[in-house]
N, C-alpha and C. Protein backbone atom coordinates (compact mmCIF):
# COMPACT_ATOMS: atom_id res chain seq x y z
N UNK A 1 6.73 42.97 94.68
CA UNK A 1 7.68 44.06 94.59
C UNK A 1 7.93 44.45 93.14
N UNK A 2 8.07 43.48 92.28
CA UNK A 2 8.30 43.77 90.87
C UNK A 2 7.13 44.50 90.25
N UNK A 3 5.92 44.17 90.70
CA UNK A 3 4.73 44.83 90.17
C UNK A 3 4.72 46.32 90.53
N UNK A 4 5.12 46.66 91.72
CA UNK A 4 5.16 48.07 92.16
C UNK A 4 6.21 48.84 91.37
N UNK A 5 7.36 48.22 91.12
CA UNK A 5 8.42 48.87 90.34
C UNK A 5 7.95 49.08 88.91
N UNK A 6 7.30 48.07 88.35
CA UNK A 6 6.78 48.18 86.98
C UNK A 6 5.76 49.31 86.86
N UNK A 7 4.86 49.41 87.83
CA UNK A 7 3.85 50.47 87.81
C UNK A 7 4.49 51.86 87.95
N UNK A 8 5.51 51.97 88.75
CA UNK A 8 6.20 53.26 88.91
C UNK A 8 6.89 53.67 87.62
N UNK A 9 7.49 52.71 86.94
CA UNK A 9 8.14 53.00 85.66
C UNK A 9 7.11 53.40 84.60
N UNK A 10 5.97 52.73 84.59
CA UNK A 10 4.91 53.06 83.64
C UNK A 10 4.41 54.48 83.89
N UNK A 11 4.25 54.85 85.16
CA UNK A 11 3.78 56.18 85.51
C UNK A 11 4.78 57.24 85.06
N UNK A 12 6.08 56.97 85.27
CA UNK A 12 7.11 57.92 84.85
C UNK A 12 7.09 58.10 83.34
N UNK A 13 6.91 57.00 82.61
CA UNK A 13 6.85 57.07 81.15
C UNK A 13 5.64 57.87 80.67
N UNK A 14 4.50 57.64 81.31
CA UNK A 14 3.29 58.34 80.87
C UNK A 14 3.38 59.83 81.20
N UNK A 15 3.98 60.19 82.34
CA UNK A 15 4.15 61.60 82.68
C UNK A 15 5.13 62.25 81.71
N UNK A 16 6.21 61.55 81.39
CA UNK A 16 7.19 62.08 80.43
C UNK A 16 6.54 62.23 79.05
N UNK A 17 5.70 61.29 78.68
CA UNK A 17 4.99 61.37 77.40
C UNK A 17 4.04 62.56 77.36
N UNK A 18 3.36 62.81 78.44
CA UNK A 18 2.45 63.96 78.49
C UNK A 18 3.23 65.27 78.40
N UNK A 19 4.38 65.35 79.08
CA UNK A 19 5.20 66.56 78.99
C UNK A 19 5.72 66.76 77.57
N UNK A 20 6.12 65.67 76.94
CA UNK A 20 6.61 65.75 75.57
C UNK A 20 5.50 66.21 74.62
N UNK A 21 4.30 65.66 74.80
CA UNK A 21 3.17 66.06 73.98
C UNK A 21 2.81 67.52 74.22
N UNK A 22 2.84 67.95 75.46
CA UNK A 22 2.56 69.36 75.79
C UNK A 22 3.59 70.28 75.14
N UNK A 23 4.86 69.91 75.22
CA UNK A 23 5.91 70.72 74.61
C UNK A 23 5.74 70.78 73.10
N UNK A 24 5.35 69.69 72.49
CA UNK A 24 5.13 69.65 71.05
C UNK A 24 3.97 70.56 70.64
N UNK A 25 2.88 70.52 71.40
CA UNK A 25 1.73 71.37 71.10
C UNK A 25 2.10 72.84 71.24
N UNK A 26 2.82 73.19 72.30
CA UNK A 26 3.25 74.58 72.50
C UNK A 26 4.17 75.02 71.37
N UNK A 27 5.08 74.15 70.94
CA UNK A 27 5.99 74.49 69.85
C UNK A 27 5.23 74.73 68.54
N UNK A 28 4.22 73.92 68.27
CA UNK A 28 3.43 74.10 67.05
C UNK A 28 2.66 75.42 67.10
N UNK A 29 2.09 75.75 68.24
CA UNK A 29 1.35 77.01 68.38
C UNK A 29 2.30 78.20 68.21
N UNK A 30 3.46 78.14 68.83
CA UNK A 30 4.43 79.22 68.68
C UNK A 30 4.91 79.37 67.23
N UNK A 31 5.14 78.25 66.57
CA UNK A 31 5.57 78.31 65.17
C UNK A 31 4.47 78.90 64.28
N UNK A 32 3.22 78.53 64.54
CA UNK A 32 2.11 79.07 63.74
C UNK A 32 1.98 80.58 63.96
N UNK A 33 2.11 81.02 65.20
CA UNK A 33 2.02 82.46 65.46
C UNK A 33 3.19 83.21 64.85
N UNK A 34 4.38 82.64 64.90
CA UNK A 34 5.54 83.28 64.28
C UNK A 34 5.34 83.39 62.78
N UNK A 35 4.77 82.36 62.17
CA UNK A 35 4.49 82.40 60.73
C UNK A 35 3.48 83.50 60.40
N UNK A 36 2.43 83.62 61.21
CA UNK A 36 1.44 84.67 60.97
C UNK A 36 2.05 86.06 61.07
N UNK A 37 2.90 86.27 62.06
CA UNK A 37 3.56 87.57 62.21
C UNK A 37 4.48 87.83 61.02
N UNK A 38 5.22 86.82 60.59
CA UNK A 38 6.12 86.96 59.44
C UNK A 38 5.34 87.34 58.18
N UNK A 39 4.26 86.63 57.92
CA UNK A 39 3.47 86.91 56.71
C UNK A 39 2.84 88.29 56.80
N UNK A 40 2.36 88.66 57.97
CA UNK A 40 1.71 89.96 58.12
C UNK A 40 2.69 91.12 57.94
N UNK A 41 3.93 90.92 58.33
CA UNK A 41 4.90 92.01 58.24
C UNK A 41 5.63 92.06 56.91
N UNK A 42 5.68 90.97 56.17
CA UNK A 42 6.43 90.97 54.92
C UNK A 42 5.56 91.07 53.68
N UNK A 43 4.29 90.76 53.78
CA UNK A 43 3.45 90.81 52.58
C UNK A 43 2.92 92.22 52.40
N UNK A 44 2.77 92.59 51.18
CA UNK A 44 2.26 93.90 50.81
C UNK A 44 1.21 93.66 49.73
N UNK A 45 -0.04 93.42 50.12
CA UNK A 45 -1.04 93.14 49.10
C UNK A 45 -1.26 94.36 48.20
N UNK A 46 -1.37 94.10 46.94
CA UNK A 46 -1.59 95.18 45.97
C UNK A 46 -3.05 95.61 46.02
N UNK A 47 -3.28 96.80 45.54
CA UNK A 47 -4.66 97.28 45.45
C UNK A 47 -5.37 96.47 44.36
N UNK A 48 -6.58 96.09 44.64
CA UNK A 48 -7.35 95.33 43.67
C UNK A 48 -8.53 96.17 43.21
N UNK A 49 -9.04 95.84 42.07
CA UNK A 49 -10.20 96.56 41.55
C UNK A 49 -11.42 96.19 42.38
N UNK A 50 -12.14 97.19 42.81
CA UNK A 50 -13.37 96.97 43.57
C UNK A 50 -14.29 98.16 43.37
N UNK A 51 -15.51 97.99 43.78
CA UNK A 51 -16.49 99.08 43.68
C UNK A 51 -16.19 100.08 44.78
N UNK A 52 -16.04 101.32 44.40
CA UNK A 52 -15.77 102.36 45.41
C UNK A 52 -17.09 102.95 45.88
N UNK A 53 -17.02 103.65 46.98
CA UNK A 53 -18.21 104.28 47.54
C UNK A 53 -18.84 105.21 46.51
N UNK A 54 -20.14 105.08 46.34
CA UNK A 54 -20.86 105.96 45.44
C UNK A 54 -20.81 105.55 43.98
N UNK A 55 -20.28 104.40 43.63
CA UNK A 55 -20.22 103.97 42.23
C UNK A 55 -21.46 103.22 41.79
N UNK A 56 -22.42 103.06 42.65
CA UNK A 56 -23.69 102.48 42.23
C UNK A 56 -23.73 100.97 42.17
N UNK A 57 -22.89 100.29 42.89
CA UNK A 57 -22.95 98.84 42.88
C UNK A 57 -23.92 98.28 43.91
N UNK A 58 -24.44 99.13 44.75
CA UNK A 58 -25.30 98.67 45.84
C UNK A 58 -26.61 98.10 45.31
N UNK A 59 -27.12 98.66 44.21
CA UNK A 59 -28.39 98.15 43.70
C UNK A 59 -28.24 96.76 43.10
N UNK A 60 -27.04 96.38 42.71
CA UNK A 60 -26.80 95.03 42.19
C UNK A 60 -26.46 94.05 43.30
N UNK A 61 -26.41 94.51 44.54
CA UNK A 61 -26.09 93.63 45.65
C UNK A 61 -24.60 93.47 45.88
N UNK A 62 -23.79 94.31 45.23
CA UNK A 62 -22.34 94.23 45.41
C UNK A 62 -21.93 95.09 46.59
N UNK A 63 -20.88 94.68 47.26
CA UNK A 63 -20.37 95.43 48.39
C UNK A 63 -19.16 96.25 47.99
N UNK A 64 -18.91 97.30 48.73
CA UNK A 64 -17.74 98.13 48.46
C UNK A 64 -16.95 98.29 49.74
N UNK A 65 -15.70 98.70 49.59
CA UNK A 65 -14.87 98.96 50.76
C UNK A 65 -15.41 100.20 51.47
N UNK A 66 -15.39 100.18 52.80
CA UNK A 66 -15.88 101.32 53.55
C UNK A 66 -14.99 102.54 53.32
N UNK A 67 -13.69 102.31 53.31
CA UNK A 67 -12.76 103.40 53.05
C UNK A 67 -11.56 102.79 52.34
N UNK A 68 -11.42 103.10 51.09
CA UNK A 68 -10.36 102.52 50.28
C UNK A 68 -9.03 103.18 50.57
N UNK A 69 -7.98 102.39 50.71
CA UNK A 69 -6.65 102.97 50.90
C UNK A 69 -5.94 103.19 49.57
N UNK A 70 -6.54 102.75 48.49
CA UNK A 70 -5.97 102.93 47.16
C UNK A 70 -6.72 104.03 46.43
N UNK A 71 -5.99 104.90 45.81
CA UNK A 71 -6.66 105.95 45.05
C UNK A 71 -6.91 105.42 43.64
N UNK A 72 -8.04 105.78 43.05
CA UNK A 72 -8.34 105.26 41.71
C UNK A 72 -7.39 105.87 40.67
N UNK A 73 -7.04 105.08 39.69
CA UNK A 73 -6.17 105.53 38.60
C UNK A 73 -7.07 106.12 37.52
N UNK A 74 -6.80 107.36 37.14
CA UNK A 74 -7.61 108.03 36.13
C UNK A 74 -7.13 107.63 34.74
N UNK A 75 -8.05 107.66 33.79
CA UNK A 75 -7.74 107.32 32.41
C UNK A 75 -6.73 108.31 31.85
N UNK A 76 -5.67 107.84 31.22
CA UNK A 76 -4.68 108.69 30.60
C UNK A 76 -3.62 109.21 31.55
N UNK A 77 -3.75 108.92 32.83
CA UNK A 77 -2.76 109.39 33.80
C UNK A 77 -1.58 108.42 33.83
N UNK A 78 -0.36 108.93 33.93
CA UNK A 78 0.80 108.03 34.00
C UNK A 78 0.77 107.25 35.31
N UNK A 79 1.18 105.99 35.26
CA UNK A 79 1.16 105.17 36.47
C UNK A 79 2.48 105.17 37.16
């Protein structure tokens, strides 16, 4: 009789442990997704210098943006 009670208690503990582990994994995934959404909505990356279309970097094997969202700053123009 004691052996059956012990096995039932062990089973309850292992099921509770699995639920706890599952809840922990779900919480980590939710926290990671919340962090990604936060970073995506609050960061504003600045325009960086790159080769624009038609600037002749293709022959050197350099890549350019397909469509730049930053307009180039002309020499002598106020920023």
